[in-house]
Amino acid sequence: MSSAFDKYYNKYDAWYDKHEFAFLSEIAAIKKVLPQGKKGLEIGTGTGRFAAGLGITIGIEPSNNMLEIARSRGVDARWGFGERLPFLNGIFDYVAIIISLCFIKNQQEVLLEAARVLKKNGRIIIGIVDKKGFLGKFYRKKKSVFYKEAKFLSVKKVTNLLKSTGFGSFSYFQTVSVYPDDMKVIEKPKKGFGKGGFVVISAKK
């Protein structure tokens, strides 16, 4: 899938300008669980939109074209894969995986790597387009250049994956209650899931 992101990186990045209210709503939801002033890593940092918007200083990304844009946004973006993180054990306070998990084949392996580089009681923060929600169903039918090969995940599936890799103490926030094209304001995040197309799942190591 990295080839699609390499080829259409400008199209990917432009989506966030066109759908600014959706993006900023997602940022607001993630901030609800993001440890402030702590050392974090984003796996699958893409063009650095989320990392730059959230103050995440370090990112991992396999697309060279996206890496260049992320670096231009001030992110210490490094080439690599979530399955083999080039970091020592226990050095991050939190790890974020925003949207990227649905494009990863061996999701459990990536979550185990995230756990490895997290400090004791460190947090993992995962943002997904909920497979069971209206937006997940819409994207699955749309078959965009990016999402046509994605394996969408439900909140329950992600929760079970995290439990199987040793995480606990879960919290959930949701946003984007209408289609991104129709959003006119930044939505206030709500606890739980089931109504928002974008869900943030946070858990502790």
N, C-alpha and C. Protein backbone atom coordinates (compact mmCIF):
# COMPACT_ATOMS: atom_id res chain seq x y z
N MET A 1 0.82 -1.21 0.00
CA MET A 1 0.00 0.00 0.00
C MET A 1 0.85 1.26 0.00
N SER A 2 2.10 1.17 0.45
CA SER A 2 2.95 2.36 0.50
C SER A 2 3.16 2.97 -0.88
N SER A 3 3.07 2.14 -1.96
CA SER A 3 3.25 2.65 -3.31
C SER A 3 2.16 3.65 -3.68
N ALA A 4 0.93 3.40 -3.24
CA ALA A 4 -0.18 4.33 -3.50
C ALA A 4 0.08 5.65 -2.78
N PHE A 5 0.57 5.58 -1.56
CA PHE A 5 0.85 6.80 -0.82
C PHE A 5 2.03 7.55 -1.43
N ASP A 6 3.01 6.80 -1.96
CA ASP A 6 4.14 7.44 -2.63
C ASP A 6 3.69 8.15 -3.90
N LYS A 7 2.78 7.52 -4.64
CA LYS A 7 2.33 8.04 -5.93
C LYS A 7 1.36 9.21 -5.77
N TYR A 8 0.47 9.10 -4.81
CA TYR A 8 -0.59 10.10 -4.67
C TYR A 8 -0.45 10.93 -3.39
N TYR A 9 0.78 11.16 -2.97
CA TYR A 9 1.01 11.84 -1.70
C TYR A 9 0.44 13.25 -1.68
N ASN A 10 0.48 13.94 -2.82
CA ASN A 10 -0.08 15.30 -2.87
C ASN A 10 -1.60 15.27 -2.73
N LYS A 11 -2.23 14.27 -3.34
CA LYS A 11 -3.69 14.12 -3.23
C LYS A 11 -4.08 13.82 -1.80
N TYR A 12 -3.30 12.96 -1.16
CA TYR A 12 -3.54 12.63 0.25
C TYR A 12 -3.46 13.89 1.12
N ASP A 13 -2.39 14.65 0.93
CA ASP A 13 -2.17 15.81 1.78
C ASP A 13 -3.22 16.89 1.54
N ALA A 14 -3.66 17.03 0.30
CA ALA A 14 -4.65 18.06 -0.04
C ALA A 14 -6.01 17.77 0.61
N TRP A 15 -6.28 16.49 0.92
CA TRP A 15 -7.56 16.14 1.55
C TRP A 15 -7.76 16.92 2.85
N TYR A 16 -6.71 17.12 3.59
CA TYR A 16 -6.80 17.79 4.89
C TYR A 16 -7.08 19.28 4.76
N ASP A 17 -6.63 19.88 3.65
CA ASP A 17 -6.97 21.28 3.40
C ASP A 17 -8.43 21.41 2.99
N LYS A 18 -8.88 20.48 2.17
CA LYS A 18 -10.26 20.51 1.67
C LYS A 18 -11.26 20.20 2.78
N HIS A 19 -10.87 19.35 3.73
CA HIS A 19 -11.75 18.92 4.81
C HIS A 19 -11.20 19.38 6.17
N GLU A 20 -10.94 20.67 6.25
CA GLU A 20 -10.27 21.22 7.43
C GLU A 20 -11.06 20.98 8.72
N PHE A 21 -12.39 21.11 8.66
CA PHE A 21 -13.19 20.95 9.88
C PHE A 21 -13.16 19.52 10.38
N ALA A 22 -13.14 18.56 9.47
CA ALA A 22 -13.03 17.15 9.87
C ALA A 22 -11.67 16.89 10.52
N PHE A 23 -10.63 17.39 9.89
CA PHE A 23 -9.28 17.21 10.42
C PHE A 23 -9.13 17.84 11.80
N LEU A 24 -9.58 19.06 11.96
CA LEU A 24 -9.45 19.74 13.25
C LEU A 24 -10.33 19.09 14.32
N SER A 25 -11.44 18.50 13.91
CA SER A 25 -12.29 17.76 14.85
C SER A 25 -11.55 16.51 15.32
N GLU A 26 -10.85 15.85 14.41
CA GLU A 26 -10.07 14.67 14.77
C GLU A 26 -8.93 15.04 15.71
N ILE A 27 -8.27 16.15 15.43
CA ILE A 27 -7.20 16.66 16.30
C ILE A 27 -7.74 16.89 17.71
N ALA A 28 -8.92 17.51 17.79
CA ALA A 28 -9.52 17.81 19.10
C ALA A 28 -9.83 16.54 19.88
N ALA A 29 -10.29 15.50 19.18
CA ALA A 29 -10.60 14.23 19.84
C ALA A 29 -9.34 13.55 20.36
N ILE A 30 -8.28 13.58 19.57
CA ILE A 30 -7.02 12.95 19.98
C ILE A 30 -6.43 13.68 21.19
N LYS A 31 -6.56 15.00 21.21
CA LYS A 31 -6.01 15.79 22.32
C LYS A 31 -6.65 15.43 23.66
N LYS A 32 -7.84 14.85 23.62
CA LYS A 32 -8.51 14.44 24.85
C LYS A 32 -7.72 13.38 25.62
N VAL A 33 -6.93 12.59 24.90
CA VAL A 33 -6.19 11.50 25.55
C VAL A 33 -4.67 11.64 25.40
N LEU A 34 -4.22 12.66 24.71
CA LEU A 34 -2.79 12.83 24.44
C LEU A 34 -2.07 13.41 25.66
N PRO A 35 -1.07 12.71 26.19
CA PRO A 35 -0.30 13.25 27.32
C PRO A 35 0.44 14.53 26.89
N GLN A 36 0.24 15.59 27.62
CA GLN A 36 0.85 16.87 27.27
C GLN A 36 2.28 16.98 27.81
N GLY A 37 3.14 17.52 26.97
CA GLY A 37 4.52 17.74 27.38
C GLY A 37 5.33 16.47 27.55
N LYS A 38 4.89 15.38 26.93
CA LYS A 38 5.57 14.10 27.03
C LYS A 38 6.19 13.71 25.69
N LYS A 39 7.09 12.73 25.73
CA LYS A 39 7.78 12.27 24.52
C LYS A 39 6.92 11.24 23.79
N GLY A 40 6.56 11.55 22.53
CA GLY A 40 5.70 10.66 21.78
C GLY A 40 6.25 10.27 20.42
N LEU A 41 5.69 9.20 19.89
CA LEU A 41 6.04 8.68 18.56
C LEU A 41 4.75 8.44 17.79
N GLU A 42 4.74 8.81 16.50
CA GLU A 42 3.62 8.45 15.64
C GLU A 42 4.08 7.42 14.62
N ILE A 43 3.40 6.29 14.60
CA ILE A 43 3.68 5.24 13.61
C ILE A 43 2.78 5.47 12.40
N GLY A 44 3.40 5.59 11.21
CA GLY A 44 2.65 5.91 10.01
C GLY A 44 2.32 7.39 9.99
N THR A 45 3.35 8.20 10.09
CA THR A 45 3.14 9.65 10.26
C THR A 45 2.70 10.35 9.00
N GLY A 46 2.82 9.69 7.83
CA GLY A 46 2.36 10.28 6.58
C GLY A 46 3.06 11.58 6.28
N THR A 47 2.28 12.60 5.93
CA THR A 47 2.84 13.91 5.61
C THR A 47 3.00 14.79 6.86
N GLY A 48 2.82 14.20 8.01
CA GLY A 48 3.06 14.92 9.26
C GLY A 48 1.93 15.82 9.72
N ARG A 49 0.76 15.68 9.11
CA ARG A 49 -0.37 16.53 9.48
C ARG A 49 -0.73 16.38 10.96
N PHE A 50 -0.92 15.15 11.39
CA PHE A 50 -1.32 14.93 12.78
C PHE A 50 -0.17 15.20 13.74
N ALA A 51 1.02 14.73 13.40
CA ALA A 51 2.17 14.94 14.28
C ALA A 51 2.41 16.44 14.52
N ALA A 52 2.38 17.22 13.44
CA ALA A 52 2.61 18.66 13.57
C ALA A 52 1.48 19.32 14.35
N GLY A 53 0.25 18.88 14.10
CA GLY A 53 -0.91 19.47 14.77
C GLY A 53 -1.00 19.11 16.24
N LEU A 54 -0.38 18.00 16.62
CA LEU A 54 -0.47 17.51 17.99
C LEU A 54 0.81 17.71 18.79
N GLY A 55 1.86 18.16 18.13
CA GLY A 55 3.13 18.34 18.82
C GLY A 55 3.89 17.04 19.05
N ILE A 56 3.65 16.04 18.19
CA ILE A 56 4.40 14.78 18.26
C ILE A 56 5.68 14.98 17.46
N THR A 57 6.81 14.86 18.11
CA THR A 57 8.06 15.27 17.47
C THR A 57 8.68 14.21 16.57
N ILE A 58 8.41 12.93 16.83
CA ILE A 58 9.07 11.85 16.09
C ILE A 58 8.04 11.00 15.36
N GLY A 59 8.34 10.66 14.09
CA GLY A 59 7.43 9.82 13.32
C GLY A 59 8.17 8.77 12.50
N ILE A 60 7.47 7.68 12.22
CA ILE A 60 7.99 6.61 11.36
C ILE A 60 7.07 6.51 10.15
N GLU A 61 7.66 6.40 8.95
CA GLU A 61 6.86 6.38 7.73
C GLU A 61 7.64 5.68 6.60
N PRO A 62 7.01 4.74 5.87
CA PRO A 62 7.71 4.04 4.79
C PRO A 62 7.69 4.76 3.44
N SER A 63 6.86 5.80 3.28
CA SER A 63 6.78 6.53 2.01
C SER A 63 7.78 7.68 1.99
N ASN A 64 8.74 7.61 1.08
CA ASN A 64 9.78 8.65 1.02
C ASN A 64 9.21 10.02 0.66
N ASN A 65 8.24 10.04 -0.25
CA ASN A 65 7.65 11.32 -0.64
C ASN A 65 6.92 11.98 0.52
N MET A 66 6.23 11.15 1.31
CA MET A 66 5.53 11.70 2.48
C MET A 66 6.51 12.15 3.56
N LEU A 67 7.60 11.43 3.68
CA LEU A 67 8.63 11.80 4.66
C LEU A 67 9.11 13.23 4.45
N GLU A 68 9.34 13.58 3.19
CA GLU A 68 9.85 14.92 2.89
C GLU A 68 8.88 16.00 3.35
N ILE A 69 7.58 15.77 3.13
CA ILE A 69 6.60 16.77 3.55
C ILE A 69 6.52 16.83 5.07
N ALA A 70 6.55 15.67 5.72
CA ALA A 70 6.50 15.64 7.18
C ALA A 70 7.69 16.41 7.77
N ARG A 71 8.84 16.22 7.20
CA ARG A 71 10.03 16.93 7.69
C ARG A 71 9.91 18.42 7.49
N SER A 72 9.29 18.83 6.38
CA SER A 72 9.09 20.26 6.13
C SER A 72 8.15 20.88 7.16
N ARG A 73 7.35 20.04 7.84
CA ARG A 73 6.44 20.52 8.88
C ARG A 73 7.09 20.46 10.27
N GLY A 74 8.37 20.14 10.31
CA GLY A 74 9.08 20.16 11.57
C GLY A 74 9.08 18.85 12.33
N VAL A 75 8.59 17.78 11.69
CA VAL A 75 8.57 16.48 12.34
C VAL A 75 9.88 15.75 12.09
N ASP A 76 10.42 15.13 13.12
CA ASP A 76 11.61 14.29 12.96
C ASP A 76 11.13 12.95 12.40
N ALA A 77 10.84 12.96 11.10
CA ALA A 77 10.26 11.79 10.43
C ALA A 77 11.36 10.89 9.89
N ARG A 78 11.29 9.62 10.24
CA ARG A 78 12.33 8.66 9.86
C ARG A 78 11.72 7.53 9.04
N TRP A 79 12.47 7.08 8.06
CA TRP A 79 11.99 5.98 7.21
C TRP A 79 11.99 4.68 8.01
N GLY A 80 10.90 3.94 7.90
CA GLY A 80 10.84 2.66 8.59
C GLY A 80 9.44 2.12 8.65
N PHE A 81 9.31 0.99 9.30
CA PHE A 81 8.03 0.28 9.41
C PHE A 81 7.69 0.03 10.88
N GLY A 82 6.39 0.03 11.16
CA GLY A 82 5.94 -0.19 12.52
C GLY A 82 6.28 -1.56 13.06
N GLU A 83 6.49 -2.53 12.17
CA GLU A 83 6.83 -3.89 12.60
C GLU A 83 8.27 -3.98 13.12
N ARG A 84 9.10 -3.00 12.77
CA ARG A 84 10.52 -3.03 13.19
C ARG A 84 10.94 -1.61 13.56
N LEU A 85 10.53 -1.16 14.70
CA LEU A 85 10.83 0.21 15.11
C LEU A 85 12.30 0.36 15.50
N PRO A 86 12.98 1.37 14.98
CA PRO A 86 14.41 1.55 15.25
C PRO A 86 14.67 2.32 16.54
N PHE A 87 14.05 1.86 17.63
CA PHE A 87 14.19 2.55 18.92
C PHE A 87 14.44 1.54 20.03
N LEU A 88 15.06 2.02 21.10
CA LEU A 88 15.31 1.18 22.27
C LEU A 88 14.02 0.91 23.03
N ASN A 89 14.05 -0.04 23.92
CA ASN A 89 12.89 -0.36 24.75
C ASN A 89 12.56 0.78 25.71
N GLY A 90 11.28 1.00 25.93
CA GLY A 90 10.82 1.87 27.00
C GLY A 90 11.27 3.31 26.97
N ILE A 91 11.25 3.96 25.81
CA ILE A 91 11.74 5.34 25.75
C ILE A 91 10.64 6.37 25.47
N PHE A 92 9.44 5.93 25.11
CA PHE A 92 8.36 6.87 24.79
C PHE A 92 7.26 6.85 25.86
N ASP A 93 6.70 8.02 26.11
CA ASP A 93 5.57 8.12 27.03
C ASP A 93 4.27 7.70 26.36
N TYR A 94 4.20 7.88 25.05
CA TYR A 94 3.03 7.44 24.30
C TYR A 94 3.39 7.15 22.84
N VAL A 95 2.59 6.32 22.23
CA VAL A 95 2.71 6.01 20.80
C VAL A 95 1.35 6.23 20.16
N ALA A 96 1.31 6.98 19.06
CA ALA A 96 0.07 7.23 18.34
C ALA A 96 0.08 6.51 16.99
N ILE A 97 -1.04 5.90 16.66
CA ILE A 97 -1.23 5.29 15.34
C ILE A 97 -2.57 5.82 14.82
N ILE A 98 -2.51 6.83 13.97
CA ILE A 98 -3.72 7.55 13.56
C ILE A 98 -4.05 7.20 12.11
N ILE A 99 -5.16 6.54 11.90
CA ILE A 99 -5.65 6.06 10.61
C ILE A 99 -4.83 4.89 10.07
N SER A 100 -3.54 4.87 10.32
CA SER A 100 -2.61 3.94 9.67
C SER A 100 -2.86 2.46 9.93
N LEU A 101 -3.49 2.12 11.07
CA LEU A 101 -3.60 0.71 11.45
C LEU A 101 -4.34 -0.12 10.40
N CYS A 102 -5.30 0.48 9.72
CA CYS A 102 -6.08 -0.28 8.73
C CYS A 102 -5.27 -0.62 7.48
N PHE A 103 -4.10 0.00 7.32
CA PHE A 103 -3.24 -0.29 6.17
C PHE A 103 -2.11 -1.25 6.51
N ILE A 104 -2.06 -1.69 7.75
CA ILE A 104 -0.99 -2.57 8.22
C ILE A 104 -1.45 -4.02 8.18
N LYS A 105 -0.65 -4.89 7.57
CA LYS A 105 -1.03 -6.30 7.45
C LYS A 105 -0.94 -7.02 8.79
N ASN A 106 0.21 -6.91 9.44
CA ASN A 106 0.39 -7.59 10.72
C ASN A 106 0.19 -6.59 11.86
N GLN A 107 -1.06 -6.36 12.18
CA GLN A 107 -1.40 -5.32 13.17
C GLN A 107 -0.89 -5.67 14.56
N GLN A 108 -1.00 -6.93 14.94
CA GLN A 108 -0.56 -7.32 16.27
C GLN A 108 0.94 -7.14 16.45
N GLU A 109 1.70 -7.41 15.41
CA GLU A 109 3.15 -7.22 15.48
C GLU A 109 3.50 -5.76 15.71
N VAL A 110 2.78 -4.86 15.06
CA VAL A 110 3.01 -3.43 15.25
C VAL A 110 2.64 -3.00 16.67
N LEU A 111 1.55 -3.53 17.18
CA LEU A 111 1.14 -3.19 18.54
C LEU A 111 2.14 -3.71 19.57
N LEU A 112 2.71 -4.87 19.32
CA LEU A 112 3.74 -5.41 20.21
C LEU A 112 4.99 -4.53 20.19
N GLU A 113 5.34 -4.03 19.01
CA GLU A 113 6.48 -3.12 18.89
C GLU A 113 6.19 -1.80 19.62
N ALA A 114 4.96 -1.33 19.49
CA ALA A 114 4.58 -0.11 20.21
C ALA A 114 4.72 -0.31 21.71
N ALA A 115 4.27 -1.47 22.19
CA ALA A 115 4.38 -1.77 23.61
C ALA A 115 5.84 -1.84 24.04
N ARG A 116 6.68 -2.37 23.18
CA ARG A 116 8.10 -2.51 23.51
C ARG A 116 8.77 -1.16 23.74
N VAL A 117 8.45 -0.18 22.90
CA VAL A 117 9.14 1.11 23.01
C VAL A 117 8.48 2.05 24.02
N LEU A 118 7.33 1.63 24.56
CA LEU A 118 6.65 2.45 25.56
C LEU A 118 7.25 2.25 26.96
N LYS A 119 7.25 3.31 27.74
CA LYS A 119 7.63 3.20 29.14
C LYS A 119 6.54 2.46 29.91
N LYS A 120 6.84 2.03 31.11
CA LYS A 120 5.83 1.43 31.97
C LYS A 120 4.71 2.44 32.19
N ASN A 121 3.48 1.98 32.05
CA ASN A 121 2.29 2.83 32.16
C ASN A 121 2.17 3.84 31.02
N GLY A 122 2.97 3.63 29.96
CA GLY A 122 2.85 4.48 28.78
C GLY A 122 1.53 4.23 28.06
N ARG A 123 1.13 5.18 27.22
CA ARG A 123 -0.17 5.07 26.56
C ARG A 123 -0.03 4.85 25.06
N ILE A 124 -0.94 4.06 24.53
CA ILE A 124 -1.08 3.93 23.09
C ILE A 124 -2.36 4.65 22.70
N ILE A 125 -2.30 5.38 21.61
CA ILE A 125 -3.45 6.17 21.13
C ILE A 125 -3.70 5.80 19.67
N ILE A 126 -4.86 5.25 19.41
CA ILE A 126 -5.19 4.79 18.06
C ILE A 126 -6.41 5.53 17.54
N GLY A 127 -6.30 6.10 16.36
CA GLY A 127 -7.42 6.77 15.72
C GLY A 127 -7.86 5.96 14.51
N ILE A 128 -9.14 5.64 14.43
CA ILE A 128 -9.64 4.83 13.32
C ILE A 128 -10.91 5.44 12.72
N VAL A 129 -11.13 5.10 11.45
CA VAL A 129 -12.45 5.26 10.85
C VAL A 129 -13.19 3.97 11.19
N ASP A 130 -14.19 4.08 12.05
CA ASP A 130 -14.87 2.90 12.58
C ASP A 130 -15.58 2.10 11.48
N LYS A 131 -15.19 0.85 11.34
CA LYS A 131 -15.79 -0.03 10.33
C LYS A 131 -17.30 -0.12 10.47
N LYS A 132 -17.78 -0.10 11.69
CA LYS A 132 -19.22 -0.26 11.96
C LYS A 132 -19.99 1.06 11.80
N GLY A 133 -19.29 2.17 11.68
CA GLY A 133 -19.94 3.46 11.60
C GLY A 133 -20.32 3.86 10.18
N PHE A 134 -21.06 4.93 10.06
CA PHE A 134 -21.53 5.40 8.75
C PHE A 134 -20.38 5.76 7.82
N LEU A 135 -19.29 6.32 8.38
CA LEU A 135 -18.17 6.74 7.55
C LEU A 135 -17.37 5.55 7.03
N GLY A 136 -17.20 4.55 7.90
CA GLY A 136 -16.51 3.34 7.47
C GLY A 136 -17.25 2.65 6.34
N LYS A 137 -18.55 2.57 6.45
CA LYS A 137 -19.37 1.94 5.40
C LYS A 137 -19.29 2.74 4.11
N PHE A 138 -19.26 4.06 4.23
CA PHE A 138 -19.17 4.94 3.06
C PHE A 138 -17.84 4.75 2.33
N TYR A 139 -16.73 4.74 3.07
CA TYR A 139 -15.41 4.60 2.45
C TYR A 139 -15.22 3.21 1.84
N ARG A 140 -15.81 2.20 2.44
CA ARG A 140 -15.70 0.85 1.90
C ARG A 140 -16.40 0.74 0.55
N LYS A 141 -17.48 1.46 0.38
CA LYS A 141 -18.20 1.46 -0.90
C LYS A 141 -17.51 2.36 -1.93
N LYS A 142 -16.92 3.44 -1.45
CA LYS A 142 -16.30 4.43 -2.33
C LYS A 142 -15.07 3.88 -3.04
N LYS A 143 -14.31 3.07 -2.36
CA LYS A 143 -13.09 2.46 -2.90
C LYS A 143 -12.14 3.51 -3.49
N SER A 144 -11.72 4.41 -2.63
CA SER A 144 -10.78 5.45 -3.05
C SER A 144 -9.41 4.84 -3.34
N VAL A 145 -8.55 5.65 -3.91
CA VAL A 145 -7.18 5.21 -4.22
C VAL A 145 -6.50 4.66 -2.97
N PHE A 146 -6.79 5.26 -1.83
CA PHE A 146 -6.13 4.87 -0.59
C PHE A 146 -6.90 3.76 0.14
N TYR A 147 -8.21 3.91 0.24
CA TYR A 147 -8.99 3.00 1.07
C TYR A 147 -9.40 1.69 0.39
N LYS A 148 -9.18 1.59 -0.92
CA LYS A 148 -9.62 0.37 -1.61
C LYS A 148 -8.89 -0.87 -1.13
N GLU A 149 -7.69 -0.69 -0.57
CA GLU A 149 -6.93 -1.82 -0.07
C GLU A 149 -6.87 -1.85 1.47
N ALA A 150 -7.62 -0.95 2.08
CA ALA A 150 -7.60 -0.89 3.55
C ALA A 150 -8.43 -2.00 4.16
N LYS A 151 -8.00 -2.44 5.32
CA LYS A 151 -8.77 -3.41 6.10
C LYS A 151 -9.34 -2.65 7.30
N PHE A 152 -10.57 -2.16 7.12
CA PHE A 152 -11.18 -1.35 8.17
C PHE A 152 -11.39 -2.17 9.44
N LEU A 153 -11.28 -1.47 10.57
CA LEU A 153 -11.38 -2.12 11.87
C LEU A 153 -12.52 -1.52 12.68
N SER A 154 -13.19 -2.36 13.43
CA SER A 154 -14.20 -1.87 14.37
C SER A 154 -13.53 -1.53 15.70
N VAL A 155 -14.23 -0.79 16.53
CA VAL A 155 -13.70 -0.45 17.85
C VAL A 155 -13.47 -1.72 18.66
N LYS A 156 -14.40 -2.66 18.57
CA LYS A 156 -14.27 -3.93 19.29
C LYS A 156 -13.03 -4.69 18.85
N LYS A 157 -12.76 -4.71 17.54
CA LYS A 157 -11.59 -5.41 17.02
C LYS A 157 -10.30 -4.80 17.54
N VAL A 158 -10.22 -3.48 17.50
CA VAL A 158 -9.01 -2.80 18.00
C VAL A 158 -8.83 -3.04 19.49
N THR A 159 -9.93 -2.97 20.23
CA THR A 159 -9.87 -3.21 21.67
C THR A 159 -9.35 -4.61 21.97
N ASN A 160 -9.84 -5.59 21.24
CA ASN A 160 -9.39 -6.97 21.44
C ASN A 160 -7.93 -7.15 21.06
N LEU A 161 -7.49 -6.49 19.98
CA LEU A 161 -6.08 -6.55 19.59
C LEU A 161 -5.20 -5.96 20.69
N LEU A 162 -5.63 -4.86 21.26
CA LEU A 162 -4.85 -4.22 22.32
C LEU A 162 -4.81 -5.08 23.58
N LYS A 163 -5.93 -5.67 23.92
CA LYS A 163 -5.97 -6.57 25.09
C LYS A 163 -5.02 -7.75 24.89
N SER A 164 -4.98 -8.28 23.67
CA SER A 164 -4.14 -9.45 23.39
C SER A 164 -2.65 -9.12 23.43
N THR A 165 -2.32 -7.82 23.33
CA THR A 165 -0.92 -7.41 23.41
C THR A 165 -0.58 -6.75 24.75
N GLY A 166 -1.46 -6.92 25.73
CA GLY A 166 -1.14 -6.52 27.09
C GLY A 166 -1.61 -5.15 27.53
N PHE A 167 -2.42 -4.47 26.73
CA PHE A 167 -2.90 -3.15 27.10
C PHE A 167 -4.21 -3.23 27.89
N GLY A 168 -4.46 -2.21 28.70
CA GLY A 168 -5.69 -2.13 29.50
C GLY A 168 -6.05 -0.68 29.78
N SER A 169 -7.00 -0.44 30.68
CA SER A 169 -7.44 0.91 31.07
C SER A 169 -7.84 1.73 29.84
N PHE A 170 -8.90 1.32 29.19
CA PHE A 170 -9.33 1.91 27.92
C PHE A 170 -10.17 3.17 28.11
N SER A 171 -10.05 4.07 27.13
CA SER A 171 -10.95 5.21 27.03
C SER A 171 -11.22 5.47 25.55
N TYR A 172 -12.41 6.03 25.26
CA TYR A 172 -12.85 6.21 23.88
C TYR A 172 -13.44 7.61 23.70
N PHE A 173 -13.11 8.24 22.58
CA PHE A 173 -13.71 9.50 22.19
C PHE A 173 -14.08 9.44 20.70
N GLN A 174 -15.15 10.10 20.34
CA GLN A 174 -15.62 10.07 18.96
C GLN A 174 -15.91 11.47 18.44
N THR A 175 -15.83 11.60 17.11
CA THR A 175 -16.13 12.86 16.44
C THR A 175 -16.47 12.57 14.98
N VAL A 176 -16.69 13.62 14.20
CA VAL A 176 -17.11 13.54 12.78
C VAL A 176 -18.44 12.78 12.70
N SER A 177 -19.50 13.47 13.06
CA SER A 177 -20.83 12.85 13.08
C SER A 177 -21.58 13.00 11.76
N VAL A 178 -20.99 13.77 10.82
CA VAL A 178 -21.54 13.90 9.48
C VAL A 178 -20.41 13.69 8.48
N TYR A 179 -20.75 13.58 7.21
CA TYR A 179 -19.71 13.38 6.19
C TYR A 179 -18.76 14.57 6.17
N PRO A 180 -17.45 14.32 6.01
CA PRO A 180 -16.46 15.40 6.01
C PRO A 180 -16.79 16.53 5.03
N ASP A 181 -17.35 16.19 3.87
CA ASP A 181 -17.71 17.22 2.89
C ASP A 181 -18.77 18.19 3.43
N ASP A 182 -19.56 17.74 4.39
CA ASP A 182 -20.67 18.53 4.91
C ASP A 182 -20.34 19.29 6.19
N MET A 183 -19.13 19.13 6.71
CA MET A 183 -18.79 19.76 7.98
C MET A 183 -18.51 21.25 7.82
N LYS A 184 -19.13 22.04 8.69
CA LYS A 184 -19.00 23.50 8.63
C LYS A 184 -18.38 24.08 9.91
N VAL A 185 -18.23 23.24 10.93
CA VAL A 185 -17.66 23.68 12.20
C VAL A 185 -16.77 22.56 12.77
N ILE A 186 -15.95 22.91 13.74
CA ILE A 186 -15.16 21.91 14.47
C ILE A 186 -16.06 21.29 15.53
N GLU A 187 -16.20 19.99 15.50
CA GLU A 187 -17.06 19.31 16.46
C GLU A 187 -16.36 19.12 17.80
N LYS A 188 -17.12 19.23 18.86
CA LYS A 188 -16.61 18.95 20.20
C LYS A 188 -16.60 17.43 20.39
N PRO A 189 -15.47 16.84 20.78
CA PRO A 189 -15.40 15.39 20.96
C PRO A 189 -16.37 14.90 22.03
N LYS A 190 -16.90 13.72 21.81
CA LYS A 190 -17.80 13.11 22.79
C LYS A 190 -17.23 11.77 23.24
N LYS A 191 -17.47 11.43 24.50
CA LYS A 191 -17.00 10.15 25.02
C LYS A 191 -17.74 9.00 24.34
N GLY A 192 -17.04 7.86 24.28
CA GLY A 192 -17.66 6.65 23.74
C GLY A 192 -17.49 6.51 22.24
N PHE A 193 -18.31 5.66 21.65
CA PHE A 193 -18.27 5.42 20.21
C PHE A 193 -19.64 4.92 19.78
N GLY A 194 -19.84 4.90 18.45
CA GLY A 194 -21.12 4.43 17.92
C GLY A 194 -21.81 5.44 17.03
N LYS A 195 -21.50 6.73 17.25
CA LYS A 195 -22.12 7.78 16.44
C LYS A 195 -21.10 8.52 15.57
N GLY A 196 -19.90 8.68 16.08
CA GLY A 196 -18.86 9.38 15.32
C GLY A 196 -18.18 8.47 14.32
N GLY A 197 -17.88 9.03 13.15
CA GLY A 197 -17.18 8.25 12.13
C GLY A 197 -15.72 8.00 12.47
N PHE A 198 -15.14 8.91 13.26
CA PHE A 198 -13.75 8.80 13.69
C PHE A 198 -13.73 8.55 15.19
N VAL A 199 -13.01 7.49 15.60
CA VAL A 199 -12.96 7.12 17.01
C VAL A 199 -11.52 7.04 17.49
N VAL A 200 -11.26 7.60 18.66
CA VAL A 200 -9.95 7.53 19.29
C VAL A 200 -10.02 6.52 20.43
N ILE A 201 -9.11 5.58 20.40
CA ILE A 201 -9.04 4.53 21.42
C ILE A 201 -7.70 4.68 22.14
N SER A 202 -7.75 4.85 23.45
CA SER A 202 -6.54 5.00 24.23
C SER A 202 -6.46 3.89 25.27
N ALA A 203 -5.26 3.36 25.48
CA ALA A 203 -5.07 2.30 26.46
C ALA A 203 -3.68 2.42 27.09
N LYS A 204 -3.56 1.82 28.26
CA LYS A 204 -2.30 1.92 29.02
C LYS A 204 -1.55 0.59 28.96
N LYS A 205 -0.24 0.69 28.88
CA LYS A 205 0.63 -0.51 28.87
C LYS A 205 0.62 -1.15 30.25
